[in-house]
Amino acid sequence: MCVPSRFETGRFFKLSFPLSAGRVFHVIGKVVWGRRTENGLNEYGVQFWDFEESKTAMLRHYLKELAEAAGDKPYGP
Protein backbone atom coordinates (compact mmCIF):
# COMPACT_ATOMS: atom_id res chain seq x y z
CA MET A 1 0.00 0.00 0.00
CA CYS A 2 1.42 3.44 -0.93
CA VAL A 3 0.00 6.56 0.67
CA PRO A 4 1.18 10.16 1.17
CA SER A 5 0.59 10.12 4.95
CA ARG A 6 2.67 8.27 7.55
CA PHE A 7 1.56 5.33 9.68
CA GLU A 8 3.38 3.82 12.64
CA THR A 9 4.34 0.14 12.50
CA GLY A 10 1.88 -1.82 14.63
CA ARG A 11 -0.98 0.61 14.05
CA PHE A 12 -4.44 -0.80 13.29
CA PHE A 13 -6.87 0.92 10.94
CA LYS A 14 -10.06 0.25 8.98
CA LEU A 15 -9.89 -0.10 5.20
CA SER A 16 -12.96 0.39 3.03
CA PHE A 17 -13.04 -1.07 -0.47
CA PRO A 18 -15.75 0.41 -2.70
CA LEU A 19 -16.97 -2.02 -5.36
CA SER A 20 -19.15 -1.39 -8.37
CA ALA A 21 -22.93 -1.22 -7.93
CA GLY A 22 -22.53 0.73 -4.68
CA ARG A 23 -21.18 -2.20 -2.67
CA VAL A 24 -18.51 -1.58 -0.03
CA PHE A 25 -16.72 -3.97 2.27
CA HIS A 26 -14.52 -3.22 5.27
CA VAL A 27 -11.53 -4.97 6.81
CA ILE A 28 -9.17 -4.26 9.68
CA GLY A 29 -5.50 -3.81 8.72
CA LYS A 30 -2.31 -3.70 10.77
CA VAL A 31 0.87 -2.01 9.50
CA VAL A 32 3.69 -4.57 9.74
CA TRP A 33 6.47 -2.65 7.93
CA GLY A 34 7.01 0.71 6.27
CA ARG A 35 9.53 2.57 4.12
CA ARG A 36 9.84 5.76 2.07
CA THR A 37 9.91 5.29 -1.72
CA GLU A 38 12.12 7.19 -4.17
CA ASN A 39 9.15 9.26 -5.36
CA GLY A 40 8.39 10.42 -1.81
CA LEU A 41 5.47 8.15 -1.00
CA ASN A 42 5.26 6.03 2.11
CA GLU A 43 4.97 2.31 1.28
CA TYR A 44 3.55 -0.10 3.85
CA GLY A 45 3.05 -3.80 4.27
CA VAL A 46 -0.38 -4.44 5.72
CA GLN A 47 -1.59 -7.58 7.46
CA PHE A 48 -5.35 -7.96 7.22
CA TRP A 49 -7.23 -8.81 10.41
CA ASP A 50 -10.88 -9.72 10.81
CA PHE A 51 -10.88 -10.73 7.17
CA GLU A 52 -13.46 -13.34 6.26
CA GLU A 53 -12.53 -15.81 3.54
CA SER A 54 -15.58 -14.70 1.54
CA LYS A 55 -14.08 -11.20 1.28
CA THR A 56 -11.02 -12.50 -0.58
CA ALA A 57 -12.99 -12.71 -3.83
CA MET A 58 -14.33 -9.19 -3.27
CA LEU A 59 -10.80 -7.86 -2.74
CA ARG A 60 -9.60 -9.50 -5.96
CA HIS A 61 -12.56 -7.97 -7.80
CA TYR A 62 -11.78 -4.54 -6.33
CA LEU A 63 -8.11 -4.73 -7.37
CA LYS A 64 -9.11 -5.89 -10.86
CA GLU A 65 -11.48 -2.91 -11.22
CA LEU A 66 -8.72 -0.52 -10.13
CA ALA A 67 -6.26 -2.00 -12.60
CA GLU A 68 -8.75 -1.84 -15.46
CA ALA A 69 -9.67 1.76 -14.63
CA ALA A 70 -5.96 2.66 -14.71
CA GLY A 71 -5.53 0.85 -18.04
CA ASP A 72 -3.34 -1.84 -16.49
CA LYS A 73 -3.60 -5.54 -17.14
CA PRO A 74 -4.86 -7.14 -13.91
CA TYR A 75 -2.79 -9.89 -12.35
CA GLY A 76 -4.18 -13.18 -11.17
CA PRO A 77 -7.71 -14.59 -11.50
C-alpha atoms as a PDB file:
ATOM      1  CA  MET A   1       0.000   0.000   0.000  1.00  0.00           C
ATOM      2  CA  CYS A   2       1.418   3.436  -0.929  1.00  0.00           C
ATOM      3  CA  VAL A   3      -0.002   6.564   0.672  1.00  0.00           C
ATOM      4  CA  PRO A   4       1.184  10.159   1.173  1.00  0.00           C
ATOM      5  CA  SER A   5       0.585  10.117   4.948  1.00  0.00           C
ATOM      6  CA  ARG A   6       2.672   8.266   7.554  1.00  0.00           C
ATOM      7  CA  PHE A   7       1.564   5.326   9.675  1.00  0.00           C
ATOM      8  CA  GLU A   8       3.375   3.817  12.637  1.00  0.00           C
ATOM      9  CA  THR A   9       4.342   0.142  12.500  1.00  0.00           C
ATOM     10  CA  GLY A  10       1.881  -1.824  14.626  1.00  0.00           C
ATOM     11  CA  ARG A  11      -0.983   0.609  14.047  1.00  0.00           C
ATOM     12  CA  PHE A  12      -4.443  -0.797  13.287  1.00  0.00           C
ATOM     13  CA  PHE A  13      -6.873   0.919  10.936  1.00  0.00           C
ATOM     14  CA  LYS A  14     -10.062   0.251   8.982  1.00  0.00           C
ATOM     15  CA  LEU A  15      -9.890  -0.099   5.200  1.00  0.00           C
ATOM     16  CA  SER A  16     -12.958   0.385   3.031  1.00  0.00           C
ATOM     17  CA  PHE A  17     -13.037  -1.073  -0.467  1.00  0.00           C
ATOM     18  CA  PRO A  18     -15.754   0.406  -2.702  1.00  0.00           C
ATOM     19  CA  LEU A  19     -16.970  -2.020  -5.358  1.00  0.00           C
ATOM     20  CA  SER A  20     -19.155  -1.392  -8.373  1.00  0.00           C
ATOM     21  CA  ALA A  21     -22.933  -1.218  -7.933  1.00  0.00           C
ATOM     22  CA  GLY A  22     -22.527   0.728  -4.685  1.00  0.00           C
ATOM     23  CA  ARG A  23     -21.176  -2.205  -2.672  1.00  0.00           C
ATOM     24  CA  VAL A  24     -18.512  -1.576  -0.030  1.00  0.00           C
ATOM     25  CA  PHE A  25     -16.718  -3.971   2.272  1.00  0.00           C
ATOM     26  CA  HIS A  26     -14.520  -3.220   5.273  1.00  0.00           C
ATOM     27  CA  VAL A  27     -11.530  -4.973   6.811  1.00  0.00           C
ATOM     28  CA  ILE A  28      -9.172  -4.260   9.683  1.00  0.00           C
ATOM     29  CA  GLY A  29      -5.505  -3.812   8.720  1.00  0.00           C
ATOM     30  CA  LYS A  30      -2.308  -3.697  10.766  1.00  0.00           C
ATOM     31  CA  VAL A  31       0.873  -2.007   9.503  1.00  0.00           C
ATOM     32  CA  VAL A  32       3.688  -4.569   9.739  1.00  0.00           C
ATOM     33  CA  TRP A  33       6.466  -2.648   7.934  1.00  0.00           C
ATOM     34  CA  GLY A  34       7.011   0.710   6.275  1.00  0.00           C
ATOM     35  CA  ARG A  35       9.532   2.571   4.123  1.00  0.00           C
ATOM     36  CA  ARG A  36       9.842   5.758   2.074  1.00  0.00           C
ATOM     37  CA  THR A  37       9.915   5.286  -1.724  1.00  0.00           C
ATOM     38  CA  GLU A  38      12.119   7.191  -4.166  1.00  0.00           C
ATOM     39  CA  ASN A  39       9.150   9.260  -5.364  1.00  0.00           C
ATOM     40  CA  GLY A  40       8.391  10.420  -1.808  1.00  0.00           C
ATOM     41  CA  LEU A  41       5.466   8.148  -0.997  1.00  0.00           C
ATOM     42  CA  ASN A  42       5.259   6.026   2.114  1.00  0.00           C
ATOM     43  CA  GLU A  43       4.970   2.314   1.282  1.00  0.00           C
ATOM     44  CA  TYR A  44       3.547  -0.098   3.849  1.00  0.00           C
ATOM     45  CA  GLY A  45       3.052  -3.804   4.266  1.00  0.00           C
ATOM     46  CA  VAL A  46      -0.381  -4.440   5.717  1.00  0.00           C
ATOM     47  CA  GLN A  47      -1.585  -7.579   7.458  1.00  0.00           C
ATOM     48  CA  PHE A  48      -5.354  -7.961   7.224  1.00  0.00           C
ATOM     49  CA  TRP A  49      -7.233  -8.808  10.407  1.00  0.00           C
ATOM     50  CA  ASP A  50     -10.878  -9.720  10.809  1.00  0.00           C
ATOM     51  CA  PHE A  51     -10.881 -10.730   7.170  1.00  0.00           C
ATOM     52  CA  GLU A  52     -13.465 -13.339   6.263  1.00  0.00           C
ATOM     53  CA  GLU A  53     -12.533 -15.808   3.535  1.00  0.00           C
ATOM     54  CA  SER A  54     -15.580 -14.697   1.539  1.00  0.00           C
ATOM     55  CA  LYS A  55     -14.084 -11.198   1.283  1.00  0.00           C
ATOM     56  CA  THR A  56     -11.022 -12.504  -0.577  1.00  0.00           C
ATOM     57  CA  ALA A  57     -12.990 -12.710  -3.827  1.00  0.00           C
ATOM     58  CA  MET A  58     -14.334  -9.186  -3.270  1.00  0.00           C
ATOM     59  CA  LEU A  59     -10.805  -7.859  -2.738  1.00  0.00           C
ATOM     60  CA  ARG A  60      -9.599  -9.505  -5.958  1.00  0.00           C
ATOM     61  CA  HIS A  61     -12.562  -7.973  -7.800  1.00  0.00           C
ATOM     62  CA  TYR A  62     -11.780  -4.537  -6.327  1.00  0.00           C
ATOM     63  CA  LEU A  63      -8.114  -4.726  -7.375  1.00  0.00           C
ATOM     64  CA  LYS A  64      -9.108  -5.891 -10.862  1.00  0.00           C
ATOM     65  CA  GLU A  65     -11.485  -2.905 -11.220  1.00  0.00           C
ATOM     66  CA  LEU A  66      -8.717  -0.519 -10.129  1.00  0.00           C
ATOM     67  CA  ALA A  67      -6.258  -2.003 -12.603  1.00  0.00           C
ATOM     68  CA  GLU A  68      -8.748  -1.844 -15.460  1.00  0.00           C
ATOM     69  CA  ALA A  69      -9.669   1.757 -14.628  1.00  0.00           C
ATOM     70  CA  ALA A  70      -5.963   2.658 -14.714  1.00  0.00           C
ATOM     71  CA  GLY A  71      -5.530   0.854 -18.036  1.00  0.00           C
ATOM     72  CA  ASP A  72      -3.336  -1.837 -16.487  1.00  0.00           C
ATOM     73  CA  LYS A  73      -3.601  -5.536 -17.144  1.00  0.00           C
ATOM     74  CA  PRO A  74      -4.861  -7.136 -13.914  1.00  0.00           C
ATOM     75  CA  TYR A  75      -2.790  -9.892 -12.353  1.00  0.00           C
ATOM     76  CA  GLY A  76      -4.184 -13.182 -11.166  1.00  0.00           C
ATOM     77  CA  PRO A  77      -7.711 -14.586 -11.500  1.00  0.00           C
END
